[in-house]
Structures are given as C-alpha cells and as structure tokens.
Amino acid sequence: MKRKKYKLQYSDSFIEDITEIAHYISYDLLNPVAADNLVNSVEKSIINRLQYPTGFKKCASRNSKEEVYYKIQVKNYTIFYVLIDDVMERRRIIYSRRDIENLV
C-alpha cells in the first residue's frame, strides 16, 4: 500500500508564535545561536513527522470539535498540527509549561 504524501503549510498563528519565540530568545535572552538552533530543530522535527503524520496520539482541541490535532515535542515547546486532505498544517507552537489546554 502506497503511503499518502503530505504538503506542509503554516498557519498565521504558527508564524507569529515562532517569530515571537525566536525574537525573545535572540534579543531578550541575548542568545541568537540558541534561537537558530531551536528553529532548525523545529523544522527538522516537522519534516521527519511528514513521513507518518497520523502515526501518533491524537489530541482534542477545545476550539474545534471537528478537527483532530497532533502534537510534536521539540525541546521545551509543543507544536500542534492538523491534517486536511493532503496538507499537514502547523497551527501553533507553544512553550510546554504554559496552560496549553486553554490555548489550542
């Protein structure tokens, strides 16, 4: 059986999240190398997940009962994505110690 191929897509919220995180690490914490490393780790993890995006535990969203969310842990961050037809859309990236249940 042939595996389904997925395309990547970013939501506006994901772009805002990752930009704010990278800015905070680079300028507030004064560690641009760590910011670059985090962004690279996030991208690598997402690309690796493209091979089997449905092979992981599903999680519920309090905002949408129709959509099934999946998550990826990268360092201290949780990435949330949905699958829509042949698209893996990255929706949010949130610091793992935040109240994630009320943000997604």
C-alpha atoms as a PDB file:
ATOM      1  CA  MET A   1       0.000   0.000   0.000  1.00  0.00           C
ATOM      2  CA  LYS A   2       1.351   3.390  -1.013  1.00  0.00           C
ATOM      3  CA  ARG A   3       1.804   5.989   1.733  1.00  0.00           C
ATOM      4  CA  LYS A   4      -0.024   9.282   1.361  1.00  0.00           C
ATOM      5  CA  LYS A   5       2.265  12.274   0.712  1.00  0.00           C
ATOM      6  CA  TYR A   6       1.550  15.459   2.632  1.00  0.00           C
ATOM      7  CA  LYS A   7       2.448  19.041   1.820  1.00  0.00           C
ATOM      8  CA  LEU A   8       3.459  21.460   4.566  1.00  0.00           C
ATOM      9  CA  GLN A   9       1.565  24.619   5.328  1.00  0.00           C
ATOM     10  CA  TYR A  10       1.924  27.222   8.082  1.00  0.00           C
ATOM     11  CA  SER A  11      -0.948  28.987   9.817  1.00  0.00           C
ATOM     12  CA  ASP A  12      -0.571  32.678  10.595  1.00  0.00           C
ATOM     13  CA  SER A  13      -0.627  31.798  14.307  1.00  0.00           C
ATOM     14  CA  PHE A  14       2.302  29.410  13.895  1.00  0.00           C
ATOM     15  CA  ILE A  15       4.345  32.052  12.074  1.00  0.00           C
ATOM     16  CA  GLU A  16       3.585  34.606  14.799  1.00  0.00           C
ATOM     17  CA  ASP A  17       4.450  32.091  17.537  1.00  0.00           C
ATOM     18  CA  ILE A  18       7.804  31.017  16.106  1.00  0.00           C
ATOM     19  CA  THR A  19       8.752  34.621  15.292  1.00  0.00           C
ATOM     20  CA  GLU A  20       7.998  35.756  18.849  1.00  0.00           C
ATOM     21  CA  ILE A  21       9.872  32.802  20.345  1.00  0.00           C
ATOM     22  CA  ALA A  22      12.954  33.372  18.185  1.00  0.00           C
ATOM     23  CA  HIS A  23      12.873  37.115  18.900  1.00  0.00           C
ATOM     24  CA  TYR A  24      12.597  36.523  22.657  1.00  0.00           C
ATOM     25  CA  ILE A  25      15.499  34.062  22.722  1.00  0.00           C
ATOM     26  CA  SER A  26      17.668  36.204  20.418  1.00  0.00           C
ATOM     27  CA  TYR A  27      17.068  39.659  21.891  1.00  0.00           C
ATOM     28  CA  ASP A  28      15.679  39.290  25.404  1.00  0.00           C
ATOM     29  CA  LEU A  29      17.840  36.337  26.397  1.00  0.00           C
ATOM     30  CA  LEU A  30      20.680  37.553  24.152  1.00  0.00           C
ATOM     31  CA  ASN A  31      21.227  34.117  22.642  1.00  0.00           C
ATOM     32  CA  PRO A  32      20.742  34.190  18.844  1.00  0.00           C
ATOM     33  CA  VAL A  33      22.569  30.865  18.439  1.00  0.00           C
ATOM     34  CA  ALA A  34      20.020  29.137  20.676  1.00  0.00           C
ATOM     35  CA  ALA A  35      17.185  30.765  18.706  1.00  0.00           C
ATOM     36  CA  ASP A  36      18.621  29.486  15.416  1.00  0.00           C
ATOM     37  CA  ASN A  37      19.127  26.023  16.903  1.00  0.00           C
ATOM     38  CA  LEU A  38      15.521  25.916  18.105  1.00  0.00           C
ATOM     39  CA  VAL A  39      14.104  26.991  14.741  1.00  0.00           C
ATOM     40  CA  ASN A  40      16.269  24.378  12.981  1.00  0.00           C
ATOM     41  CA  SER A  41      15.158  21.659  15.434  1.00  0.00           C
ATOM     42  CA  VAL A  42      11.511  22.601  14.916  1.00  0.00           C
ATOM     43  CA  GLU A  43      11.826  22.381  11.130  1.00  0.00           C
ATOM     44  CA  LYS A  44      13.713  19.083  11.281  1.00  0.00           C
ATOM     45  CA  SER A  45      11.118  17.544  13.603  1.00  0.00           C
ATOM     46  CA  ILE A  46       8.246  18.643  11.384  1.00  0.00           C
ATOM     47  CA  ILE A  47       9.888  17.292   8.232  1.00  0.00           C
ATOM     48  CA  ASN A  48      10.580  13.975   9.989  1.00  0.00           C
ATOM     49  CA  ARG A  49       6.923  13.796  11.066  1.00  0.00           C
ATOM     50  CA  LEU A  50       5.786  14.152   7.442  1.00  0.00           C
ATOM     51  CA  GLN A  51       6.715  10.504   6.854  1.00  0.00           C
ATOM     52  CA  TYR A  52       4.000   9.233   9.248  1.00  0.00           C
ATOM     53  CA  PRO A  53       1.894  12.185  10.423  1.00  0.00           C
ATOM     54  CA  THR A  54      -1.057  10.014  11.521  1.00  0.00           C
ATOM     55  CA  GLY A  55       1.018   7.501  13.464  1.00  0.00           C
ATOM     56  CA  PHE A  56       0.915   9.476  16.698  1.00  0.00           C
ATOM     57  CA  LYS A  57      -1.525  10.145  19.503  1.00  0.00           C
ATOM     58  CA  LYS A  58      -4.381  12.483  18.647  1.00  0.00           C
ATOM     59  CA  CYS A  59      -5.340  15.306  20.966  1.00  0.00           C
ATOM     60  CA  ALA A  60      -8.548  17.261  21.314  1.00  0.00           C
ATOM     61  CA  SER A  61      -8.992  20.958  20.718  1.00  0.00           C
ATOM     62  CA  ARG A  62     -11.298  22.968  22.927  1.00  0.00           C
ATOM     63  CA  ASN A  63     -11.956  25.345  19.994  1.00  0.00           C
ATOM     64  CA  SER A  64     -12.814  22.848  17.270  1.00  0.00           C
ATOM     65  CA  LYS A  65     -14.578  19.537  17.729  1.00  0.00           C
ATOM     66  CA  GLU A  66     -14.271  18.601  14.046  1.00  0.00           C
ATOM     67  CA  GLU A  67     -10.506  18.839  13.668  1.00  0.00           C
ATOM     68  CA  VAL A  68      -8.072  16.292  15.037  1.00  0.00           C
ATOM     69  CA  TYR A  69      -4.853  17.743  16.378  1.00  0.00           C
ATOM     70  CA  TYR A  70      -1.499  16.029  16.682  1.00  0.00           C
ATOM     71  CA  LYS A  71       1.493  17.294  18.585  1.00  0.00           C
ATOM     72  CA  ILE A  72       5.268  17.191  18.395  1.00  0.00           C
ATOM     73  CA  GLN A  73       7.587  17.884  21.332  1.00  0.00           C
ATOM     74  CA  VAL A  74      10.738  19.846  20.486  1.00  0.00           C
ATOM     75  CA  LYS A  75      12.897  20.860  23.424  1.00  0.00           C
ATOM     76  CA  ASN A  76      10.617  22.949  25.700  1.00  0.00           C
ATOM     77  CA  TYR A  77       7.971  23.546  23.025  1.00  0.00           C
ATOM     78  CA  THR A  78       4.910  21.739  21.731  1.00  0.00           C
ATOM     79  CA  ILE A  79       3.941  22.014  18.069  1.00  0.00           C
ATOM     80  CA  PHE A  80       0.324  21.394  17.099  1.00  0.00           C
ATOM     81  CA  TYR A  81      -0.751  20.397  13.598  1.00  0.00           C
ATOM     82  CA  VAL A  82      -3.808  19.158  11.731  1.00  0.00           C
ATOM     83  CA  LEU A  83      -4.175  17.086   8.585  1.00  0.00           C
ATOM     84  CA  ILE A  84      -6.526  18.424   5.936  1.00  0.00           C
ATOM     85  CA  ASP A  85      -6.693  16.267   2.800  1.00  0.00           C
ATOM     86  CA  ASP A  86      -3.045  16.145   1.655  1.00  0.00           C
ATOM     87  CA  VAL A  87      -1.852  19.082   3.791  1.00  0.00           C
ATOM     88  CA  MET A  88      -0.114  18.983   7.166  1.00  0.00           C
ATOM     89  CA  GLU A  89      -0.864  22.418   8.575  1.00  0.00           C
ATOM     90  CA  ARG A  90       1.197  23.597  11.504  1.00  0.00           C
ATOM     91  CA  ARG A  91      -1.131  25.572  13.701  1.00  0.00           C
ATOM     92  CA  ARG A  92       0.713  26.594  16.881  1.00  0.00           C
ATOM     93  CA  ILE A  93       4.000  26.275  18.735  1.00  0.00           C
ATOM     94  CA  ILE A  94       3.689  26.914  22.455  1.00  0.00           C
ATOM     95  CA  TYR A  95       6.077  26.820  25.390  1.00  0.00           C
ATOM     96  CA  SER A  96       5.319  23.488  27.071  1.00  0.00           C
ATOM     97  CA  ARG A  97       4.961  24.884  30.586  1.00  0.00           C
ATOM     98  CA  ARG A  98       2.102  27.190  29.592  1.00  0.00           C
ATOM     99  CA  ASP A  99      -1.545  26.242  30.018  1.00  0.00           C
ATOM    100  CA  ILE A 100      -1.685  24.500  26.645  1.00  0.00           C
ATOM    101  CA  GLU A 101      -5.199  23.119  27.111  1.00  0.00           C
ATOM    102  CA  ASN A 102      -6.652  26.631  27.055  1.00  0.00           C
ATOM    103  CA  LEU A 103      -4.537  27.853  24.140  1.00  0.00           C
ATOM    104  CA  VAL A 104      -5.244  25.252  21.463  1.00  0.00           C
END
